[in-house]
C-alpha cells in the first residue's frame, strides 16, 4: 500500500509567516498536506525547508505513480524522475526532483512514494 507522498521543498521566504503563505499556495495546487517540519534551511538563510506528506492510500503501483506525477505536474512541468524501481516482494519506489517549479515561492522540491518503510 502506498500510504503517502513524501515531499521536501525549499521555500523562498524570510520568515515563517511568509513560508506559511507559500504553503497555502502549495495546498491550492496539490490539495491537503500534512506539515511534518518547517524550519530555516541551514545552508541558505533565504530559504525554509518544508517536509510534508500528502495522503495517497493506493494499492496499485501504476495508479500510485500516475497520481504522484499528476500532483507534481500541478507544481512544475520539468521534473526529473527516478524509477519506478521494483525490488523483491513487489516493493516499489518512485521519486522525482524539480529545480524550476511554477508555484511562486517554491525554489526546489522532491517527492517520493514507496510501498515499504
N, C-alpha and C. Protein backbone atom coordinates (compact mmCIF):
# COMPACT_ATOMS: atom_id res chain seq x y z
N UNK A 1 0.84 -1.18 0.00
CA UNK A 1 0.00 0.00 0.00
C UNK A 1 0.88 1.24 0.00
N UNK A 2 0.62 2.14 -0.91
CA UNK A 2 1.29 3.44 -0.95
C UNK A 2 0.44 4.39 -0.11
N UNK A 3 0.89 4.65 1.11
CA UNK A 3 0.08 5.42 2.06
C UNK A 3 0.18 6.92 1.85
N UNK A 4 1.38 7.42 1.56
CA UNK A 4 1.57 8.86 1.43
C UNK A 4 2.58 9.18 0.33
N UNK A 5 2.52 10.43 -0.10
CA UNK A 5 3.59 11.00 -0.92
C UNK A 5 4.42 11.85 0.03
N UNK A 6 5.69 11.60 0.11
CA UNK A 6 6.59 12.41 0.95
C UNK A 6 7.19 13.49 0.08
N UNK A 7 7.09 14.72 0.54
CA UNK A 7 7.61 15.88 -0.18
C UNK A 7 8.68 16.57 0.66
N UNK A 8 9.69 17.07 0.01
CA UNK A 8 10.65 18.00 0.63
C UNK A 8 10.74 19.19 -0.31
N UNK A 9 10.54 20.37 0.24
CA UNK A 9 10.54 21.59 -0.58
C UNK A 9 11.39 22.65 0.09
N UNK A 10 12.01 23.47 -0.76
CA UNK A 10 12.69 24.66 -0.26
C UNK A 10 11.87 25.87 -0.68
N UNK A 11 11.49 26.65 0.31
CA UNK A 11 10.62 27.80 0.11
C UNK A 11 11.44 29.08 0.23
N UNK A 12 11.28 29.98 -0.76
CA UNK A 12 11.92 31.29 -0.69
C UNK A 12 11.10 32.16 0.25
N UNK A 13 11.63 32.42 1.44
CA UNK A 13 10.92 33.24 2.42
C UNK A 13 11.91 33.73 3.47
N UNK A 14 11.61 34.90 3.99
CA UNK A 14 12.48 35.48 5.02
C UNK A 14 11.92 35.28 6.43
N UNK A 15 10.69 34.75 6.52
CA UNK A 15 10.10 34.48 7.83
C UNK A 15 9.17 33.27 7.73
N UNK A 16 8.87 32.69 8.88
CA UNK A 16 7.99 31.53 8.91
C UNK A 16 6.58 31.90 8.42
N UNK A 17 6.15 33.13 8.72
CA UNK A 17 4.83 33.59 8.28
C UNK A 17 4.75 33.64 6.76
N UNK A 18 5.81 34.13 6.12
CA UNK A 18 5.83 34.18 4.66
C UNK A 18 5.90 32.76 4.07
N UNK A 19 6.61 31.89 4.73
CA UNK A 19 6.67 30.49 4.29
C UNK A 19 5.29 29.85 4.37
N UNK A 20 4.51 30.19 5.40
CA UNK A 20 3.15 29.67 5.55
C UNK A 20 2.26 30.10 4.37
N UNK A 21 2.48 31.30 3.87
CA UNK A 21 1.71 31.77 2.71
C UNK A 21 2.02 30.93 1.48
N UNK A 22 3.28 30.56 1.32
CA UNK A 22 3.67 29.71 0.19
C UNK A 22 3.05 28.32 0.36
N UNK A 23 3.01 27.83 1.58
CA UNK A 23 2.39 26.53 1.85
C UNK A 23 0.92 26.55 1.45
N UNK A 24 0.25 27.66 1.67
CA UNK A 24 -1.15 27.79 1.24
C UNK A 24 -1.26 27.67 -0.28
N UNK A 25 -0.31 28.25 -1.01
CA UNK A 25 -0.30 28.12 -2.47
C UNK A 25 -0.10 26.67 -2.90
N UNK A 26 0.79 25.98 -2.20
CA UNK A 26 1.03 24.57 -2.50
C UNK A 26 -0.25 23.77 -2.28
N UNK A 27 -0.96 24.04 -1.19
CA UNK A 27 -2.22 23.35 -0.91
C UNK A 27 -3.26 23.62 -1.99
N UNK A 28 -3.25 24.81 -2.55
CA UNK A 28 -4.17 25.12 -3.63
C UNK A 28 -3.86 24.29 -4.88
N UNK A 29 -2.59 23.96 -5.07
CA UNK A 29 -2.18 23.19 -6.24
C UNK A 29 -2.36 21.69 -6.08
N UNK A 30 -1.96 21.15 -4.93
CA UNK A 30 -1.95 19.69 -4.78
C UNK A 30 -2.92 19.16 -3.73
N UNK A 31 -3.65 20.03 -3.08
CA UNK A 31 -4.60 19.59 -2.06
C UNK A 31 -4.00 19.59 -0.67
N UNK A 32 -4.69 18.94 0.23
CA UNK A 32 -4.30 18.95 1.63
C UNK A 32 -2.95 18.28 1.83
N UNK A 33 -2.12 18.91 2.64
CA UNK A 33 -0.82 18.34 3.01
C UNK A 33 -0.69 18.39 4.52
N UNK A 34 0.05 17.45 5.05
CA UNK A 34 0.36 17.46 6.48
C UNK A 34 1.81 17.90 6.64
N UNK A 35 2.01 19.02 7.30
CA UNK A 35 3.36 19.54 7.51
C UNK A 35 4.04 18.70 8.59
N UNK A 36 5.16 18.09 8.24
CA UNK A 36 5.95 17.31 9.18
C UNK A 36 6.95 18.23 9.88
N UNK A 37 7.60 19.09 9.10
CA UNK A 37 8.52 20.08 9.69
C UNK A 37 8.67 21.27 8.75
N UNK A 38 8.90 22.41 9.35
CA UNK A 38 9.18 23.65 8.62
C UNK A 38 10.22 24.39 9.42
N UNK A 39 11.41 24.56 8.83
CA UNK A 39 12.49 25.22 9.55
C UNK A 39 13.40 25.95 8.57
N UNK A 40 14.11 26.97 9.07
CA UNK A 40 15.07 27.65 8.19
C UNK A 40 16.10 26.65 7.66
N UNK A 41 16.45 26.82 6.40
CA UNK A 41 17.44 25.94 5.79
C UNK A 41 18.82 26.39 6.22
N UNK A 42 19.58 25.49 6.80
CA UNK A 42 20.86 25.86 7.41
C UNK A 42 21.90 26.34 6.41
N UNK A 43 21.78 25.96 5.13
CA UNK A 43 22.78 26.38 4.14
C UNK A 43 22.47 27.74 3.52
N UNK A 44 21.22 28.17 3.61
CA UNK A 44 20.82 29.40 2.93
C UNK A 44 19.74 30.09 3.76
N UNK A 45 20.04 31.25 4.30
CA UNK A 45 19.10 31.94 5.19
C UNK A 45 17.90 32.53 4.46
N UNK A 46 17.88 32.49 3.14
CA UNK A 46 16.72 32.99 2.39
C UNK A 46 15.71 31.87 2.10
N UNK A 47 15.99 30.64 2.58
CA UNK A 47 15.11 29.51 2.31
C UNK A 47 14.63 28.84 3.59
N UNK A 48 13.44 28.27 3.51
CA UNK A 48 12.90 27.40 4.56
C UNK A 48 12.78 26.01 3.97
N UNK A 49 13.08 25.01 4.79
CA UNK A 49 12.93 23.62 4.37
C UNK A 49 11.61 23.08 4.91
N UNK A 50 10.78 22.60 4.01
CA UNK A 50 9.48 22.04 4.35
C UNK A 50 9.49 20.55 4.06
N UNK A 51 9.15 19.76 5.05
CA UNK A 51 8.91 18.34 4.86
C UNK A 51 7.43 18.12 5.14
N UNK A 52 6.75 17.51 4.17
CA UNK A 52 5.31 17.32 4.33
C UNK A 52 4.88 16.05 3.61
N UNK A 53 3.63 15.67 3.84
CA UNK A 53 3.08 14.47 3.24
C UNK A 53 1.69 14.72 2.70
N UNK A 54 1.38 14.03 1.63
CA UNK A 54 0.05 14.04 1.04
C UNK A 54 -0.51 12.63 1.17
N UNK A 55 -1.73 12.47 1.67
CA UNK A 55 -2.29 11.12 1.75
C UNK A 55 -2.47 10.53 0.35
N UNK A 56 -2.19 9.23 0.21
CA UNK A 56 -2.32 8.57 -1.08
C UNK A 56 -3.27 7.37 -0.97
N UNK A 57 -2.93 6.39 -0.13
CA UNK A 57 -3.76 5.22 0.16
C UNK A 57 -4.21 4.49 -1.12
N UNK A 58 -3.23 4.14 -1.95
CA UNK A 58 -3.49 3.41 -3.19
C UNK A 58 -2.66 2.14 -3.17
N UNK A 59 -3.24 1.04 -3.56
CA UNK A 59 -2.56 -0.25 -3.55
C UNK A 59 -1.71 -0.48 -4.80
N UNK A 60 -2.23 -0.15 -5.97
CA UNK A 60 -1.58 -0.47 -7.23
C UNK A 60 -0.42 0.49 -7.54
N UNK A 61 0.76 -0.04 -7.85
CA UNK A 61 1.91 0.81 -8.18
C UNK A 61 1.65 1.73 -9.37
N UNK A 62 1.00 1.23 -10.40
CA UNK A 62 0.78 2.03 -11.61
C UNK A 62 -0.09 3.25 -11.32
N UNK A 63 -1.13 3.05 -10.55
CA UNK A 63 -2.03 4.15 -10.22
C UNK A 63 -1.34 5.13 -9.27
N UNK A 64 -0.53 4.61 -8.36
CA UNK A 64 0.22 5.48 -7.43
C UNK A 64 1.20 6.37 -8.17
N UNK A 65 1.94 5.79 -9.11
CA UNK A 65 2.90 6.56 -9.91
C UNK A 65 2.17 7.63 -10.71
N UNK A 66 1.06 7.25 -11.33
CA UNK A 66 0.29 8.22 -12.10
C UNK A 66 -0.20 9.37 -11.21
N UNK A 67 -0.70 9.06 -10.03
CA UNK A 67 -1.23 10.09 -9.14
C UNK A 67 -0.14 11.05 -8.67
N UNK A 68 1.04 10.54 -8.32
CA UNK A 68 2.12 11.43 -7.88
C UNK A 68 2.61 12.29 -9.05
N UNK A 69 2.62 11.73 -10.25
CA UNK A 69 3.00 12.54 -11.42
C UNK A 69 1.96 13.62 -11.69
N UNK A 70 0.70 13.26 -11.54
CA UNK A 70 -0.38 14.24 -11.75
C UNK A 70 -0.25 15.40 -10.77
N UNK A 71 -0.03 15.10 -9.49
CA UNK A 71 0.09 16.15 -8.48
C UNK A 71 1.36 16.98 -8.67
N UNK A 72 2.48 16.33 -8.93
CA UNK A 72 3.72 17.09 -9.11
C UNK A 72 3.65 17.97 -10.36
N UNK A 73 2.93 17.53 -11.36
CA UNK A 73 2.76 18.33 -12.56
C UNK A 73 1.93 19.59 -12.30
N UNK A 74 1.16 19.60 -11.24
CA UNK A 74 0.43 20.81 -10.83
C UNK A 74 1.41 21.90 -10.39
N UNK A 75 2.60 21.48 -9.93
CA UNK A 75 3.58 22.43 -9.41
C UNK A 75 4.71 22.72 -10.38
N UNK A 76 4.92 21.87 -11.37
CA UNK A 76 6.04 22.07 -12.30
C UNK A 76 5.85 21.20 -13.54
N UNK A 77 6.50 21.61 -14.62
CA UNK A 77 6.44 20.84 -15.85
C UNK A 77 7.75 20.14 -16.16
N UNK A 78 8.83 20.55 -15.53
CA UNK A 78 10.16 20.00 -15.80
C UNK A 78 10.63 19.24 -14.56
N UNK A 79 10.28 17.96 -14.50
CA UNK A 79 10.57 17.14 -13.33
C UNK A 79 11.45 15.97 -13.76
N UNK A 80 12.54 15.76 -13.06
CA UNK A 80 13.40 14.60 -13.30
C UNK A 80 12.95 13.47 -12.41
N UNK A 81 12.61 12.33 -13.00
CA UNK A 81 12.11 11.21 -12.22
C UNK A 81 13.12 10.07 -12.19
N UNK A 82 13.04 9.30 -11.13
CA UNK A 82 13.89 8.13 -10.94
C UNK A 82 12.98 6.94 -10.65
N UNK A 83 12.92 6.04 -11.59
CA UNK A 83 12.12 4.85 -11.38
C UNK A 83 10.87 4.86 -12.21
N UNK A 84 9.94 4.05 -11.86
CA UNK A 84 9.87 3.31 -10.60
C UNK A 84 10.91 2.19 -10.53
N UNK A 85 11.44 2.00 -9.35
CA UNK A 85 12.39 0.93 -9.08
C UNK A 85 11.61 -0.19 -8.40
N UNK A 86 11.72 -1.39 -8.95
CA UNK A 86 10.98 -2.53 -8.42
C UNK A 86 11.96 -3.48 -7.74
N UNK A 87 11.68 -3.76 -6.45
CA UNK A 87 12.51 -4.65 -5.66
C UNK A 87 11.79 -5.98 -5.48
N UNK A 88 12.41 -6.90 -4.77
CA UNK A 88 11.77 -8.19 -4.50
C UNK A 88 10.51 -8.00 -3.65
N UNK A 89 9.66 -9.00 -3.69
CA UNK A 89 8.39 -8.99 -2.94
C UNK A 89 7.48 -7.84 -3.33
N UNK A 90 7.54 -7.42 -4.59
CA UNK A 90 6.66 -6.38 -5.13
C UNK A 90 6.80 -5.04 -4.42
N UNK A 91 7.98 -4.77 -3.88
CA UNK A 91 8.24 -3.47 -3.27
C UNK A 91 8.65 -2.50 -4.37
N UNK A 92 8.07 -1.32 -4.35
CA UNK A 92 8.28 -0.33 -5.41
C UNK A 92 8.61 1.02 -4.78
N UNK A 93 9.55 1.73 -5.41
CA UNK A 93 9.90 3.09 -5.00
C UNK A 93 9.92 3.95 -6.25
N UNK A 94 9.42 5.17 -6.10
CA UNK A 94 9.38 6.12 -7.21
C UNK A 94 9.64 7.50 -6.64
N UNK A 95 10.52 8.27 -7.29
CA UNK A 95 10.82 9.61 -6.78
C UNK A 95 11.16 10.54 -7.93
N UNK A 96 11.11 11.82 -7.62
CA UNK A 96 11.43 12.83 -8.61
C UNK A 96 11.88 14.11 -7.95
N UNK A 97 12.51 14.97 -8.74
CA UNK A 97 13.02 16.23 -8.24
C UNK A 97 12.79 17.31 -9.29
N UNK A 98 12.57 18.53 -8.81
CA UNK A 98 12.36 19.66 -9.71
C UNK A 98 13.08 20.88 -9.16
N UNK A 99 13.84 21.53 -10.02
CA UNK A 99 14.55 22.76 -9.61
C UNK A 99 13.98 24.00 -10.30
N UNK A 100 12.84 23.84 -10.98
CA UNK A 100 12.20 25.00 -11.62
C UNK A 100 10.67 24.94 -11.48
N UNK A 101 10.18 24.96 -10.24
CA UNK A 101 8.73 24.88 -10.02
C UNK A 101 7.99 26.11 -10.55
N UNK A 102 6.70 25.92 -10.82
CA UNK A 102 5.83 27.01 -11.27
C UNK A 102 5.17 27.75 -10.12
N UNK A 103 5.12 27.16 -8.94
CA UNK A 103 4.47 27.77 -7.79
C UNK A 103 5.37 28.87 -7.24
N UNK A 104 4.84 30.08 -7.17
CA UNK A 104 5.60 31.21 -6.66
C UNK A 104 6.02 30.94 -5.21
N UNK A 105 7.31 31.07 -4.96
CA UNK A 105 7.84 30.88 -3.62
C UNK A 105 8.51 29.53 -3.42
N UNK A 106 8.26 28.57 -4.30
CA UNK A 106 8.94 27.28 -4.19
C UNK A 106 10.21 27.33 -5.04
N UNK A 107 11.32 27.05 -4.40
CA UNK A 107 12.63 27.10 -5.06
C UNK A 107 13.01 25.74 -5.67
N UNK A 108 12.62 24.65 -4.97
CA UNK A 108 13.03 23.29 -5.35
C UNK A 108 12.11 22.33 -4.63
N UNK A 109 11.82 21.18 -5.23
CA UNK A 109 11.09 20.15 -4.49
C UNK A 109 11.48 18.75 -4.92
N UNK A 110 11.23 17.81 -4.03
CA UNK A 110 11.49 16.39 -4.24
C UNK A 110 10.26 15.63 -3.74
N UNK A 111 9.88 14.57 -4.45
CA UNK A 111 8.81 13.72 -3.95
C UNK A 111 9.29 12.27 -3.96
N UNK A 112 8.61 11.46 -3.13
CA UNK A 112 8.95 10.03 -3.06
C UNK A 112 7.71 9.27 -2.61
N UNK A 113 7.48 8.13 -3.28
CA UNK A 113 6.49 7.17 -2.80
C UNK A 113 7.15 5.81 -2.72
N UNK A 114 6.68 4.99 -1.80
CA UNK A 114 7.18 3.63 -1.66
C UNK A 114 6.13 2.81 -0.92
N UNK A 115 6.07 1.53 -1.23
CA UNK A 115 5.14 0.68 -0.50
C UNK A 115 5.86 -0.17 0.54
N UNK A 116 6.94 0.38 1.08
CA UNK A 116 7.68 -0.22 2.19
C UNK A 116 8.35 0.91 2.97
N UNK A 117 8.76 0.61 4.17
CA UNK A 117 9.44 1.63 5.00
C UNK A 117 10.86 1.27 5.27
